[in-house]
Structure formats: structure tokens, C-alpha cells
Amino acid sequence: MSHALHRYGTVENLQCDYTFYARASRWVNREGCGPKLRKILDILLSEKPVNFGSSHAGKSFKAGLDPKEYASTLDNAYGVACCFSSKDAIKAVLRKLMEADTGISIVVSGLIDEIVQIAKELGLKPHTAHLSLGIHGKKALLPDDKVLEVTTMCGHGMVASQLTKVVMEKVKAGKMSPEQGAHFLAQPCPCGIFNTDRCEELLEQSRKAS
């Protein structure tokens, strides 16, 4: 799930941000995977994810995707994506998935030390680990760090930096609450890995710093 790998931020504000992706593989287990994906979705929903969705469904939970509507699309889909703010929740999800044994590939993203520790506690051995090596090149052309912390929560770049700046200014001016700002910024990202809990906290921090 490389598009979830490059979330920008500090260790402190990334400690409550975990992304999850279950994906079937073409020519291996994609055909007829709908019931298994629905089982996975049921497990995810039991631990109350912050957000969920897929590009196949065309929108996220925060943009109005109904769980039952989402489940009905999974016969023609190949994956389920979501995000959590709680380490306990992601740990509980993995434990339940071990019991369900669906055979579908699972990817969890977060701070590597925390993910490895969760796996160790559950008796899991990660198959593969992808690490982000940071940003290289003409970094002066990038938005400032506070904006990047928000925009990189949509790994496909659907949350624009200028839109984020406008929302930040409205929150600072008291024209929009951090909660409203986070919900608004989540709308363009259909995958469901835009963490509105974290975004709300980032907007609140930005407001206090002004």
C-alpha cells in the first residue's frame, strides 16, 4: 500500500494514525472474493474505523458512503481500505482476521516500530516491510510542513495544498471548527485512508499556534 506510506509528520502526531488495506490478487484469489471482503469489512466496522472506502466505491465513509452500500459493491471489487486512530483497534482487527483466516493479503501502515511490536504481540511475522525514505529534490517548492501533514494523508494527492491552506485560515479565523475543516478536507479522498481525527488535531494545533 505504497500510497499510504508517505504520510508526513512528527513521531508524536503519527502515533495515532494507522492505515489498513485488504487486497485480493488478480489470477490468484480475486475471483469470487466478495464474501471474504465483506467478512473483512464486518471485522473492520466492529472496531469503529475513523474512515473507510475505496476508489471502486467512488467515495469514502466521510463523504457519505453507507456501510451496507459499500458491502454490496465488494463482489466487483478487489480490496477494502480504512484508517484507525487507535493502536488497540488495529491490534484487535488483526487478531480477528487471524481467526477468520480469509486468505486475503493484509497491509498495515504506521510507525514501523509500533507495527512490528503489534505483530510480535500477536505472534505474526510480517511478510514484507516498505519504508519511506523521506522527501528529496527541490523541497523549497513544496508547501510548508503543516500543510504536508494534512495533504499526505491522501496518498493519491486528491487533497490540494491550496484547499488545505484555505481551510486552515478559516479555522484560525473562527469561521470553521477543526472538526468541520477535517470533514471538508476528507471529501476528495475516496480511498478512506484520510484520517479526520488526526486532521482535526492538526487543524487545532495550527489554530493555537496562530
N, C-alpha and C. Protein backbone atom coordinates (compact mmCIF):
# COMPACT_ATOMS: atom_id res chain seq x y z
N MET A 1 0.85 -1.20 0.00
CA MET A 1 0.00 0.00 0.00
C MET A 1 0.88 1.24 0.00
N SER A 2 1.67 1.38 -1.07
CA SER A 2 2.68 2.44 -1.09
C SER A 2 2.07 3.83 -1.02
N HIS A 3 0.82 4.00 -1.47
CA HIS A 3 0.23 5.35 -1.44
C HIS A 3 -0.11 5.78 -0.01
N ALA A 4 -0.04 4.87 0.95
CA ALA A 4 -0.26 5.23 2.36
C ALA A 4 1.06 5.38 3.11
N LEU A 5 2.16 5.20 2.39
CA LEU A 5 3.46 5.10 3.04
C LEU A 5 4.08 6.46 3.38
N HIS A 6 3.69 7.48 2.67
CA HIS A 6 4.43 8.75 2.75
C HIS A 6 3.70 9.81 3.56
N ARG A 7 3.02 9.42 4.60
CA ARG A 7 2.35 10.38 5.47
C ARG A 7 3.41 11.19 6.21
N TYR A 8 3.29 12.48 6.13
CA TYR A 8 4.30 13.39 6.65
C TYR A 8 3.89 13.84 8.05
N GLY A 9 4.86 13.92 8.95
CA GLY A 9 4.54 14.39 10.29
C GLY A 9 5.62 14.06 11.30
N THR A 10 5.30 14.32 12.53
CA THR A 10 6.22 14.02 13.63
C THR A 10 5.87 12.66 14.22
N VAL A 11 6.81 12.12 15.00
CA VAL A 11 6.54 10.85 15.67
C VAL A 11 5.29 10.99 16.54
N GLU A 12 5.17 12.13 17.21
CA GLU A 12 4.04 12.33 18.12
C GLU A 12 2.70 12.32 17.40
N ASN A 13 2.59 13.04 16.27
CA ASN A 13 1.27 13.09 15.63
C ASN A 13 1.01 11.94 14.66
N LEU A 14 2.01 11.07 14.48
CA LEU A 14 1.79 9.86 13.69
C LEU A 14 1.50 8.64 14.57
N GLN A 15 1.58 8.83 15.89
CA GLN A 15 1.34 7.71 16.78
C GLN A 15 -0.14 7.33 16.88
N CYS A 16 -1.02 8.13 16.31
CA CYS A 16 -2.45 7.82 16.34
C CYS A 16 -2.99 7.76 14.92
N ASP A 17 -2.19 7.20 14.01
CA ASP A 17 -2.58 7.17 12.61
C ASP A 17 -2.14 5.85 11.97
N TYR A 18 -3.11 4.99 11.71
CA TYR A 18 -2.82 3.67 11.13
C TYR A 18 -3.72 3.44 9.92
N THR A 19 -3.15 2.99 8.82
CA THR A 19 -3.95 2.66 7.65
C THR A 19 -3.97 1.15 7.46
N PHE A 20 -5.06 0.68 6.87
CA PHE A 20 -5.28 -0.76 6.70
C PHE A 20 -5.77 -1.00 5.28
N TYR A 21 -5.27 -2.04 4.66
CA TYR A 21 -5.71 -2.39 3.32
C TYR A 21 -5.75 -3.90 3.17
N ALA A 22 -6.89 -4.43 2.75
CA ALA A 22 -7.03 -5.85 2.40
C ALA A 22 -7.19 -5.91 0.89
N ARG A 23 -6.39 -6.72 0.23
CA ARG A 23 -6.43 -6.72 -1.23
C ARG A 23 -6.29 -8.13 -1.79
N ALA A 24 -7.23 -8.49 -2.68
CA ALA A 24 -7.13 -9.75 -3.40
C ALA A 24 -6.23 -9.56 -4.61
N SER A 25 -5.67 -10.64 -5.12
CA SER A 25 -4.71 -10.57 -6.21
C SER A 25 -5.28 -11.18 -7.49
N ARG A 26 -5.14 -10.45 -8.58
CA ARG A 26 -5.63 -10.94 -9.88
C ARG A 26 -4.95 -12.26 -10.23
N TRP A 27 -5.76 -13.21 -10.73
CA TRP A 27 -5.31 -14.55 -11.12
C TRP A 27 -4.89 -15.43 -9.95
N VAL A 28 -5.08 -14.93 -8.72
CA VAL A 28 -4.75 -15.74 -7.54
C VAL A 28 -6.00 -15.99 -6.71
N ASN A 29 -6.60 -14.90 -6.17
CA ASN A 29 -7.78 -15.09 -5.32
C ASN A 29 -8.82 -13.98 -5.49
N ARG A 30 -8.75 -13.23 -6.60
CA ARG A 30 -9.70 -12.15 -6.79
C ARG A 30 -11.09 -12.66 -7.20
N GLU A 31 -11.14 -13.69 -8.03
CA GLU A 31 -12.43 -14.19 -8.49
C GLU A 31 -13.23 -14.75 -7.31
N GLY A 32 -14.43 -14.23 -7.13
CA GLY A 32 -15.29 -14.72 -6.06
C GLY A 32 -14.87 -14.27 -4.66
N CYS A 33 -14.08 -13.18 -4.56
CA CYS A 33 -13.57 -12.75 -3.26
C CYS A 33 -14.55 -11.89 -2.48
N GLY A 34 -15.70 -11.55 -3.09
CA GLY A 34 -16.67 -10.67 -2.44
C GLY A 34 -17.05 -11.08 -1.02
N PRO A 35 -17.45 -12.34 -0.79
CA PRO A 35 -17.83 -12.75 0.57
C PRO A 35 -16.69 -12.58 1.58
N LYS A 36 -15.47 -12.84 1.14
CA LYS A 36 -14.32 -12.69 2.04
C LYS A 36 -14.08 -11.21 2.37
N LEU A 37 -14.23 -10.35 1.36
CA LEU A 37 -14.05 -8.91 1.60
C LEU A 37 -15.15 -8.38 2.51
N ARG A 38 -16.36 -8.91 2.37
CA ARG A 38 -17.45 -8.48 3.27
C ARG A 38 -17.17 -8.93 4.70
N LYS A 39 -16.59 -10.11 4.86
CA LYS A 39 -16.22 -10.57 6.19
C LYS A 39 -15.17 -9.65 6.80
N ILE A 40 -14.20 -9.26 5.99
CA ILE A 40 -13.16 -8.35 6.47
C ILE A 40 -13.78 -7.00 6.83
N LEU A 41 -14.68 -6.51 6.00
CA LEU A 41 -15.34 -5.23 6.29
C LEU A 41 -16.11 -5.31 7.60
N ASP A 42 -16.81 -6.41 7.84
CA ASP A 42 -17.53 -6.58 9.11
C ASP A 42 -16.58 -6.50 10.30
N ILE A 43 -15.42 -7.11 10.16
CA ILE A 43 -14.42 -7.08 11.24
C ILE A 43 -13.92 -5.66 11.45
N LEU A 44 -13.64 -4.96 10.36
CA LEU A 44 -13.18 -3.57 10.46
C LEU A 44 -14.21 -2.70 11.15
N LEU A 45 -15.46 -2.82 10.74
CA LEU A 45 -16.52 -1.99 11.30
C LEU A 45 -16.74 -2.29 12.78
N SER A 46 -16.45 -3.52 13.20
CA SER A 46 -16.63 -3.87 14.61
C SER A 46 -15.68 -3.12 15.52
N GLU A 47 -14.59 -2.58 14.95
CA GLU A 47 -13.61 -1.82 15.74
C GLU A 47 -13.66 -0.33 15.45
N LYS A 48 -14.74 0.10 14.78
CA LYS A 48 -15.03 1.52 14.56
C LYS A 48 -13.87 2.29 13.93
N PRO A 49 -13.60 2.04 12.64
CA PRO A 49 -12.56 2.82 11.95
C PRO A 49 -12.95 4.29 11.84
N VAL A 50 -11.97 5.14 11.74
CA VAL A 50 -12.22 6.58 11.55
C VAL A 50 -12.85 6.82 10.19
N ASN A 51 -12.37 6.11 9.18
CA ASN A 51 -12.81 6.32 7.82
C ASN A 51 -12.59 5.03 7.04
N PHE A 52 -13.33 4.84 5.96
CA PHE A 52 -13.13 3.68 5.09
C PHE A 52 -13.70 4.00 3.73
N GLY A 53 -13.35 3.18 2.73
CA GLY A 53 -13.85 3.41 1.39
C GLY A 53 -12.97 2.77 0.34
N SER A 54 -13.14 3.18 -0.90
CA SER A 54 -12.29 2.67 -1.99
C SER A 54 -12.55 3.50 -3.24
N SER A 55 -11.58 3.50 -4.12
CA SER A 55 -11.76 4.19 -5.39
C SER A 55 -12.84 3.48 -6.20
N HIS A 56 -13.00 2.18 -5.98
CA HIS A 56 -14.04 1.42 -6.68
C HIS A 56 -15.43 1.91 -6.27
N ALA A 57 -15.62 2.14 -4.96
CA ALA A 57 -16.91 2.64 -4.48
C ALA A 57 -17.10 4.09 -4.89
N GLY A 58 -16.00 4.82 -5.10
CA GLY A 58 -16.08 6.19 -5.57
C GLY A 58 -16.16 7.25 -4.50
N LYS A 59 -16.25 6.84 -3.24
CA LYS A 59 -16.27 7.81 -2.15
C LYS A 59 -15.96 7.10 -0.84
N SER A 60 -15.71 7.89 0.18
CA SER A 60 -15.38 7.35 1.49
C SER A 60 -16.56 7.48 2.45
N PHE A 61 -16.41 6.89 3.60
CA PHE A 61 -17.41 7.00 4.66
C PHE A 61 -17.66 8.46 5.02
N LYS A 62 -16.59 9.25 5.10
CA LYS A 62 -16.71 10.66 5.45
C LYS A 62 -17.37 11.48 4.35
N ALA A 63 -17.45 10.90 3.14
CA ALA A 63 -18.13 11.58 2.04
C ALA A 63 -19.53 10.98 1.82
N GLY A 64 -19.99 10.19 2.78
CA GLY A 64 -21.36 9.69 2.72
C GLY A 64 -21.52 8.25 2.31
N LEU A 65 -20.44 7.48 2.20
CA LEU A 65 -20.55 6.06 1.83
C LEU A 65 -21.22 5.27 2.95
N ASP A 66 -22.32 4.63 2.65
CA ASP A 66 -23.03 3.81 3.62
C ASP A 66 -22.38 2.43 3.69
N PRO A 67 -22.16 1.88 4.89
CA PRO A 67 -21.52 0.56 5.01
C PRO A 67 -22.24 -0.53 4.23
N LYS A 68 -23.57 -0.53 4.25
CA LYS A 68 -24.31 -1.56 3.51
C LYS A 68 -24.14 -1.38 2.01
N GLU A 69 -24.15 -0.12 1.58
CA GLU A 69 -23.93 0.18 0.17
C GLU A 69 -22.53 -0.28 -0.25
N TYR A 70 -21.57 0.00 0.62
CA TYR A 70 -20.18 -0.39 0.35
C TYR A 70 -20.06 -1.91 0.25
N ALA A 71 -20.67 -2.62 1.18
CA ALA A 71 -20.60 -4.08 1.18
C ALA A 71 -21.16 -4.66 -0.12
N SER A 72 -22.18 -4.01 -0.66
CA SER A 72 -22.82 -4.51 -1.88
C SER A 72 -21.93 -4.37 -3.10
N THR A 73 -20.91 -3.50 -3.04
CA THR A 73 -20.01 -3.30 -4.18
C THR A 73 -18.86 -4.30 -4.20
N LEU A 74 -18.69 -5.05 -3.13
CA LEU A 74 -17.47 -5.83 -2.97
C LEU A 74 -17.39 -7.08 -3.84
N ASP A 75 -18.51 -7.49 -4.46
CA ASP A 75 -18.44 -8.62 -5.40
C ASP A 75 -17.65 -8.24 -6.64
N ASN A 76 -17.62 -6.96 -6.95
CA ASN A 76 -16.91 -6.49 -8.14
C ASN A 76 -15.65 -5.70 -7.78
N ALA A 77 -15.24 -5.76 -6.53
CA ALA A 77 -14.07 -5.02 -6.07
C ALA A 77 -12.91 -5.98 -5.80
N TYR A 78 -11.80 -5.43 -5.38
CA TYR A 78 -10.64 -6.26 -5.08
C TYR A 78 -9.98 -5.88 -3.76
N GLY A 79 -10.57 -4.91 -3.03
CA GLY A 79 -9.93 -4.54 -1.78
C GLY A 79 -10.82 -3.70 -0.89
N VAL A 80 -10.40 -3.57 0.35
CA VAL A 80 -11.07 -2.75 1.35
C VAL A 80 -10.00 -1.91 2.03
N ALA A 81 -10.24 -0.62 2.16
CA ALA A 81 -9.27 0.27 2.79
C ALA A 81 -9.92 1.06 3.92
N CYS A 82 -9.15 1.37 4.96
CA CYS A 82 -9.67 2.18 6.05
C CYS A 82 -8.52 2.74 6.87
N CYS A 83 -8.85 3.54 7.87
CA CYS A 83 -7.83 4.03 8.78
C CYS A 83 -8.38 4.05 10.21
N PHE A 84 -7.46 3.95 11.15
CA PHE A 84 -7.79 3.95 12.57
C PHE A 84 -6.92 4.97 13.29
N SER A 85 -7.40 5.44 14.43
CA SER A 85 -6.61 6.31 15.30
C SER A 85 -6.10 5.58 16.53
N SER A 86 -6.56 4.35 16.72
CA SER A 86 -6.24 3.60 17.93
C SER A 86 -5.37 2.38 17.63
N LYS A 87 -4.26 2.27 18.34
CA LYS A 87 -3.41 1.09 18.20
C LYS A 87 -4.13 -0.15 18.69
N ASP A 88 -4.93 -0.01 19.73
CA ASP A 88 -5.69 -1.15 20.25
C ASP A 88 -6.69 -1.66 19.21
N ALA A 89 -7.28 -0.73 18.45
CA ALA A 89 -8.26 -1.13 17.44
C ALA A 89 -7.59 -1.91 16.32
N ILE A 90 -6.45 -1.44 15.83
CA ILE A 90 -5.78 -2.14 14.74
C ILE A 90 -5.28 -3.49 15.22
N LYS A 91 -4.88 -3.57 16.46
CA LYS A 91 -4.44 -4.85 17.02
C LYS A 91 -5.61 -5.82 17.12
N ALA A 92 -6.76 -5.33 17.55
CA ALA A 92 -7.96 -6.16 17.65
C ALA A 92 -8.39 -6.66 16.27
N VAL A 93 -8.31 -5.79 15.26
CA VAL A 93 -8.66 -6.18 13.90
C VAL A 93 -7.77 -7.31 13.42
N LEU A 94 -6.48 -7.19 13.62
CA LEU A 94 -5.55 -8.22 13.17
C LEU A 94 -5.80 -9.54 13.89
N ARG A 95 -6.11 -9.47 15.18
CA ARG A 95 -6.41 -10.69 15.93
C ARG A 95 -7.65 -11.39 15.36
N LYS A 96 -8.68 -10.62 15.06
CA LYS A 96 -9.91 -11.20 14.50
C LYS A 96 -9.66 -11.75 13.09
N LEU A 97 -8.81 -11.09 12.32
CA LEU A 97 -8.51 -11.57 10.97
C LEU A 97 -7.71 -12.86 11.01
N MET A 98 -6.86 -13.00 12.01
CA MET A 98 -6.13 -14.26 12.16
C MET A 98 -7.11 -15.41 12.38
N GLU A 99 -8.14 -15.15 13.17
CA GLU A 99 -9.14 -16.18 13.44
C GLU A 99 -10.00 -16.46 12.21
N ALA A 100 -10.31 -15.40 11.45
CA ALA A 100 -11.15 -15.56 10.25
C ALA A 100 -10.41 -16.28 9.13
N ASP A 101 -9.10 -16.06 9.01
CA ASP A 101 -8.26 -16.76 8.03
C ASP A 101 -8.86 -16.72 6.62
N THR A 102 -9.06 -15.52 6.10
CA THR A 102 -9.71 -15.36 4.79
C THR A 102 -8.78 -15.65 3.61
N GLY A 103 -7.48 -15.60 3.85
CA GLY A 103 -6.53 -15.81 2.76
C GLY A 103 -6.28 -14.57 1.91
N ILE A 104 -6.83 -13.44 2.34
CA ILE A 104 -6.64 -12.18 1.62
C ILE A 104 -5.44 -11.43 2.21
N SER A 105 -4.61 -10.86 1.34
CA SER A 105 -3.43 -10.13 1.79
C SER A 105 -3.81 -8.89 2.59
N ILE A 106 -3.11 -8.67 3.70
CA ILE A 106 -3.39 -7.56 4.60
C ILE A 106 -2.14 -6.68 4.72
N VAL A 107 -2.34 -5.37 4.56
CA VAL A 107 -1.25 -4.41 4.72
C VAL A 107 -1.65 -3.39 5.79
N VAL A 108 -0.78 -3.17 6.76
CA VAL A 108 -1.00 -2.17 7.79
C VAL A 108 0.15 -1.17 7.74
N SER A 109 -0.15 0.12 7.74
CA SER A 109 0.88 1.15 7.72
C SER A 109 0.81 1.99 8.98
N GLY A 110 1.97 2.42 9.42
CA GLY A 110 2.10 3.26 10.60
C GLY A 110 3.57 3.40 10.91
N LEU A 111 3.89 3.89 12.09
CA LEU A 111 5.30 3.94 12.51
C LEU A 111 5.82 2.51 12.60
N ILE A 112 6.94 2.25 11.96
CA ILE A 112 7.42 0.87 11.80
C ILE A 112 7.65 0.17 13.14
N ASP A 113 8.18 0.89 14.13
CA ASP A 113 8.42 0.25 15.43
C ASP A 113 7.11 -0.21 16.06
N GLU A 114 6.05 0.59 15.91
CA GLU A 114 4.77 0.22 16.50
C GLU A 114 4.13 -0.95 15.76
N ILE A 115 4.22 -0.96 14.44
CA ILE A 115 3.64 -2.05 13.65
C ILE A 115 4.35 -3.36 13.96
N VAL A 116 5.68 -3.32 14.03
CA VAL A 116 6.45 -4.53 14.35
C VAL A 116 6.10 -5.04 15.74
N GLN A 117 5.92 -4.12 16.70
CA GLN A 117 5.58 -4.53 18.07
C GLN A 117 4.20 -5.18 18.11
N ILE A 118 3.24 -4.61 17.38
CA ILE A 118 1.89 -5.20 17.33
C ILE A 118 1.97 -6.62 16.75
N ALA A 119 2.71 -6.77 15.67
CA ALA A 119 2.85 -8.09 15.04
C ALA A 119 3.47 -9.08 16.01
N LYS A 120 4.49 -8.65 16.72
CA LYS A 120 5.18 -9.53 17.67
C LYS A 120 4.22 -9.97 18.78
N GLU A 121 3.43 -9.03 19.28
CA GLU A 121 2.50 -9.36 20.36
C GLU A 121 1.43 -10.35 19.92
N LEU A 122 1.11 -10.34 18.61
CA LEU A 122 0.09 -11.25 18.09
C LEU A 122 0.68 -12.55 17.54
N GLY A 123 1.99 -12.65 17.57
CA GLY A 123 2.63 -13.84 17.03
C GLY A 123 2.68 -13.86 15.52
N LEU A 124 2.62 -12.67 14.90
CA LEU A 124 2.68 -12.56 13.46
C LEU A 124 4.09 -12.20 13.00
N LYS A 125 4.47 -12.70 11.85
CA LYS A 125 5.75 -12.34 11.25
C LYS A 125 5.45 -11.61 9.95
N PRO A 126 5.72 -10.30 9.88
CA PRO A 126 5.44 -9.55 8.66
C PRO A 126 6.13 -10.16 7.45
N HIS A 127 5.38 -10.24 6.34
CA HIS A 127 5.93 -10.81 5.11
C HIS A 127 6.89 -9.85 4.43
N THR A 128 6.51 -8.57 4.41
CA THR A 128 7.29 -7.54 3.71
C THR A 128 7.17 -6.23 4.46
N ALA A 129 8.23 -5.44 4.44
CA ALA A 129 8.17 -4.11 5.04
C ALA A 129 8.64 -3.08 4.02
N HIS A 130 7.83 -2.05 3.79
CA HIS A 130 8.20 -0.93 2.93
C HIS A 130 8.46 0.28 3.81
N LEU A 131 9.53 0.99 3.55
CA LEU A 131 9.89 2.15 4.34
C LEU A 131 9.96 3.39 3.45
N SER A 132 9.44 4.50 3.94
CA SER A 132 9.56 5.77 3.23
C SER A 132 10.91 6.40 3.56
N LEU A 133 11.62 6.82 2.56
CA LEU A 133 12.95 7.41 2.76
C LEU A 133 12.92 8.93 2.80
N GLY A 134 11.71 9.48 2.92
CA GLY A 134 11.61 10.93 3.04
C GLY A 134 11.46 11.62 1.70
N ILE A 135 11.59 12.93 1.72
CA ILE A 135 11.40 13.75 0.53
C ILE A 135 12.74 14.25 0.02
N HIS A 136 12.96 14.10 -1.28
CA HIS A 136 14.21 14.54 -1.89
C HIS A 136 13.91 15.48 -3.06
N GLY A 137 14.91 16.22 -3.50
CA GLY A 137 14.72 17.12 -4.63
C GLY A 137 14.54 18.56 -4.18
N LYS A 138 13.82 19.35 -4.97
CA LYS A 138 13.64 20.78 -4.70
C LYS A 138 12.52 20.98 -3.68
N LYS A 139 12.86 20.73 -2.41
CA LYS A 139 11.86 20.79 -1.36
C LYS A 139 11.33 22.20 -1.12
N ALA A 140 12.05 23.21 -1.60
CA ALA A 140 11.59 24.59 -1.44
C ALA A 140 10.30 24.84 -2.22
N LEU A 141 10.01 23.98 -3.20
CA LEU A 141 8.81 24.13 -3.99
C LEU A 141 7.58 23.52 -3.31
N LEU A 142 7.79 22.79 -2.25
CA LEU A 142 6.70 22.13 -1.54
C LEU A 142 5.96 23.09 -0.62
N PRO A 143 4.71 22.76 -0.26
CA PRO A 143 4.02 23.53 0.77
C PRO A 143 4.75 23.37 2.10
N ASP A 144 4.39 24.19 3.09
CA ASP A 144 5.07 24.07 4.38
C ASP A 144 4.66 22.78 5.08
N ASP A 145 5.40 22.47 6.15
CA ASP A 145 5.23 21.19 6.83
C ASP A 145 3.81 20.96 7.32
N LYS A 146 3.17 21.98 7.86
CA LYS A 146 1.83 21.83 8.43
C LYS A 146 0.81 21.45 7.35
N VAL A 147 0.99 22.00 6.16
CA VAL A 147 0.11 21.65 5.04
C VAL A 147 0.39 20.21 4.59
N LEU A 148 1.65 19.84 4.50
CA LEU A 148 2.02 18.49 4.07
C LEU A 148 1.50 17.42 5.04
N GLU A 149 1.44 17.75 6.31
CA GLU A 149 0.92 16.79 7.27
C GLU A 149 -0.52 16.42 6.96
N VAL A 150 -1.25 17.36 6.39
CA VAL A 150 -2.65 17.12 6.02
C VAL A 150 -2.76 16.47 4.65
N THR A 151 -2.11 17.07 3.65
CA THR A 151 -2.31 16.60 2.27
C THR A 151 -1.78 15.18 2.04
N THR A 152 -0.73 14.78 2.74
CA THR A 152 -0.17 13.45 2.52
C THR A 152 -1.01 12.34 3.14
N MET A 153 -2.09 12.69 3.85
CA MET A 153 -3.00 11.64 4.32
C MET A 153 -3.86 11.11 3.18
N CYS A 154 -3.87 11.78 2.05
CA CYS A 154 -4.45 11.24 0.82
C CYS A 154 -3.29 10.89 -0.10
N GLY A 155 -2.94 9.62 -0.15
CA GLY A 155 -1.75 9.21 -0.88
C GLY A 155 -1.82 9.41 -2.38
N HIS A 156 -3.03 9.61 -2.92
CA HIS A 156 -3.16 9.86 -4.35
C HIS A 156 -3.16 11.35 -4.67
N GLY A 157 -2.93 12.20 -3.66
CA GLY A 157 -2.81 13.63 -3.90
C GLY A 157 -4.11 14.33 -4.26
N MET A 158 -5.23 13.80 -3.78
CA MET A 158 -6.53 14.39 -4.11
C MET A 158 -6.90 15.58 -3.21
N VAL A 159 -6.21 15.71 -2.09
CA VAL A 159 -6.46 16.83 -1.17
C VAL A 159 -5.44 17.91 -1.49
N ALA A 160 -5.89 18.98 -2.10
CA ALA A 160 -4.99 20.01 -2.62
C ALA A 160 -4.40 20.88 -1.52
N SER A 161 -3.17 21.33 -1.73
CA SER A 161 -2.50 22.16 -0.73
C SER A 161 -3.19 23.52 -0.58
N GLN A 162 -3.65 24.11 -1.68
CA GLN A 162 -4.32 25.42 -1.59
C GLN A 162 -5.64 25.31 -0.83
N LEU A 163 -6.37 24.20 -1.06
CA LEU A 163 -7.60 23.97 -0.32
C LEU A 163 -7.31 23.82 1.16
N THR A 164 -6.24 23.11 1.49
CA THR A 164 -5.84 22.93 2.89
C THR A 164 -5.51 24.27 3.53
N LYS A 165 -4.79 25.12 2.81
CA LYS A 165 -4.44 26.44 3.34
C LYS A 165 -5.69 27.27 3.62
N VAL A 166 -6.66 27.20 2.71
CA VAL A 166 -7.91 27.96 2.88
C VAL A 166 -8.64 27.48 4.14
N VAL A 167 -8.70 26.16 4.31
CA VAL A 167 -9.37 25.61 5.49
C VAL A 167 -8.64 26.01 6.77
N MET A 168 -7.32 25.97 6.75
CA MET A 168 -6.54 26.38 7.92
C MET A 168 -6.82 27.82 8.29
N GLU A 169 -6.90 28.69 7.29
CA GLU A 169 -7.17 30.10 7.55
C GLU A 169 -8.58 30.30 8.11
N LYS A 170 -9.54 29.54 7.61
CA LYS A 170 -10.91 29.64 8.12
C LYS A 170 -11.00 29.16 9.57
N VAL A 171 -10.26 28.11 9.88
CA VAL A 171 -10.24 27.60 11.26
C VAL A 171 -9.60 28.63 12.18
N LYS A 172 -8.50 29.23 11.74
CA LYS A 172 -7.82 30.26 12.54
C LYS A 172 -8.72 31.47 12.77
N ALA A 173 -9.55 31.79 11.77
CA ALA A 173 -10.42 32.97 11.86
C ALA A 173 -11.72 32.66 12.61
N GLY A 174 -11.91 31.41 13.00
CA GLY A 174 -13.13 31.04 13.72
C GLY A 174 -14.33 30.86 12.80
N LYS A 175 -14.11 30.80 11.49
CA LYS A 175 -15.21 30.64 10.54
C LYS A 175 -15.56 29.17 10.32
N MET A 176 -14.72 28.30 10.82
CA MET A 176 -14.91 26.87 10.66
C MET A 176 -14.26 26.18 11.84
N SER A 177 -14.90 25.17 12.41
CA SER A 177 -14.29 24.43 13.52
C SER A 177 -13.29 23.42 12.97
N PRO A 178 -12.32 22.98 13.77
CA PRO A 178 -11.39 21.94 13.31
C PRO A 178 -12.12 20.69 12.82
N GLU A 179 -13.20 20.32 13.51
CA GLU A 179 -13.97 19.14 13.10
C GLU A 179 -14.59 19.35 11.72
N GLN A 180 -15.17 20.53 11.50
CA GLN A 180 -15.76 20.83 10.19
C GLN A 180 -14.69 20.87 9.10
N GLY A 181 -13.54 21.44 9.43
CA GLY A 181 -12.45 21.51 8.47
C GLY A 181 -11.94 20.14 8.07
N ALA A 182 -11.79 19.26 9.05
CA ALA A 182 -11.31 17.91 8.78
C ALA A 182 -12.30 17.14 7.91
N HIS A 183 -13.58 17.28 8.22
CA HIS A 183 -14.61 16.60 7.43
C HIS A 183 -14.62 17.12 5.99
N PHE A 184 -14.48 18.43 5.82
CA PHE A 184 -14.47 19.03 4.49
C PHE A 184 -13.28 18.54 3.67
N LEU A 185 -12.10 18.49 4.29
CA LEU A 185 -10.89 18.09 3.58
C LEU A 185 -10.90 16.61 3.21
N ALA A 186 -11.68 15.81 3.92
CA ALA A 186 -11.75 14.37 3.63
C ALA A 186 -12.55 14.06 2.37
N GLN A 187 -13.37 15.00 1.91
CA GLN A 187 -14.30 14.73 0.81
C GLN A 187 -13.63 14.28 -0.49
N PRO A 188 -12.51 14.88 -0.93
CA PRO A 188 -11.96 14.49 -2.23
C PRO A 188 -11.26 13.13 -2.24
N CYS A 189 -11.00 12.54 -1.08
CA CYS A 189 -10.21 11.30 -1.00
C CYS A 189 -11.14 10.09 -0.88
N PRO A 190 -11.34 9.32 -1.97
CA PRO A 190 -12.30 8.21 -1.93
C PRO A 190 -11.79 6.95 -1.24
N CYS A 191 -10.48 6.82 -1.09
CA CYS A 191 -9.93 5.57 -0.56
C CYS A 191 -10.31 5.29 0.90
N GLY A 192 -10.61 6.34 1.64
CA GLY A 192 -10.99 6.13 3.03
C GLY A 192 -9.83 6.06 3.99
N ILE A 193 -8.63 6.48 3.56
CA ILE A 193 -7.49 6.46 4.49
C ILE A 193 -7.13 7.87 4.98
N PHE A 194 -7.96 8.85 4.65
CA PHE A 194 -7.76 10.19 5.19
C PHE A 194 -8.30 10.20 6.61
N ASN A 195 -7.41 10.38 7.58
CA ASN A 195 -7.75 10.27 9.00
C ASN A 195 -8.26 11.62 9.52
N THR A 196 -9.56 11.74 9.65
CA THR A 196 -10.15 13.01 10.09
C THR A 196 -9.85 13.31 11.56
N ASP A 197 -9.65 12.28 12.37
CA ASP A 197 -9.26 12.52 13.77
C ASP A 197 -7.92 13.25 13.83
N ARG A 198 -6.96 12.73 13.08
CA ARG A 198 -5.63 13.36 13.06
C ARG A 198 -5.70 14.74 12.42
N CYS A 199 -6.47 14.87 11.33
CA CYS A 199 -6.60 16.17 10.67
C CYS A 199 -7.20 17.20 11.61
N GLU A 200 -8.21 16.81 12.36
CA GLU A 200 -8.83 17.73 13.32
C GLU A 200 -7.81 18.22 14.34
N GLU A 201 -6.99 17.31 14.83
CA GLU A 201 -5.97 17.68 15.81
C GLU A 201 -4.92 18.61 15.18
N LEU A 202 -4.53 18.33 13.94
CA LEU A 202 -3.56 19.19 13.26
C LEU A 202 -4.12 20.59 13.04
N LEU A 203 -5.40 20.68 12.67
CA LEU A 203 -6.02 21.99 12.49
C LEU A 203 -6.13 22.75 13.80
N GLU A 204 -6.40 22.03 14.87
CA GLU A 204 -6.48 22.67 16.19
C GLU A 204 -5.11 23.19 16.60
N GLN A 205 -4.07 22.41 16.36
CA GLN A 205 -2.71 22.86 16.68
C GLN A 205 -2.34 24.08 15.86
N SER A 206 -2.71 24.09 14.60
CA SER A 206 -2.42 25.23 13.73
C SER A 206 -3.15 26.49 14.22
N ARG A 207 -4.38 26.31 14.69
CA ARG A 207 -5.17 27.43 15.19
C ARG A 207 -4.53 28.02 16.45
N LYS A 208 -4.09 27.16 17.35
CA LYS A 208 -3.48 27.62 18.59
C LYS A 208 -2.15 28.31 18.36
N ALA A 209 -1.44 27.89 17.31
CA ALA A 209 -0.14 28.48 17.01
C ALA A 209 -0.23 29.84 16.35
N SER A 210 -1.42 30.19 15.86
CA SER A 210 -1.56 31.46 15.12
C SER A 210 -1.62 32.66 16.08
